[in-house]
Amino acid sequence: MAAKLSKASETYLTTLGVSPTVRRRIDYFWKLYAGLLPEGVAEHIFLCDVIGVDGSRTYTSLWIYGSTFAAECKNFLFAQDFDGASVNKIALWAFDSEDFEPGKPASSSSRLSLSWTTEYATNGVLTATGENCDALMHYFRTCVLPNQEASAKVGP
């Protein structure tokens, strides 16, 4: 795993406008995983977020992922609760959305939730708001859809 975030991840964080405090925690966990994982296992990040009643964005977890691996840093701003797993053989995935349609740009009122489970019962739940919904679709196309169990794939 690369010692530094990719240019695409840097652009993603700039687009979200993360604070220096959030950025320090992301860098901490990225370096931690870089020390644990071989090169090429994880190349991307995703921040789960929710919008509070006051309209402020809160980040709930950090995902570090690649084409066959996903790791979640739960409550990453305040805790050291992290894990990782192979995401081969995705058996089920599901979306729940509000004011979001795949293939169209997200709006500020868009909400999207993705859950997935492997045949080994490994699972993940990711949430996104606003423009972050587009990044969640990238996660889905990069990490989930390519690992859908062959017998469960839809289409030719």
Foldseek 3Di string as FASTA:
>chain_A
DDLDADPVQVVVCVVVVDDPLVVVLVNVVSNVVPVVDDPPFWHHKAWFWDADPVRDIDTAWMWTGFQFKIKIQGNSSPDRDIDMDGQAAWADKDKDWDQDDPPDAFAQAIKMKMKIAHPVGDIDIGIDGGRSVVVVVVCCVGHPLVRHHPVRDDDD
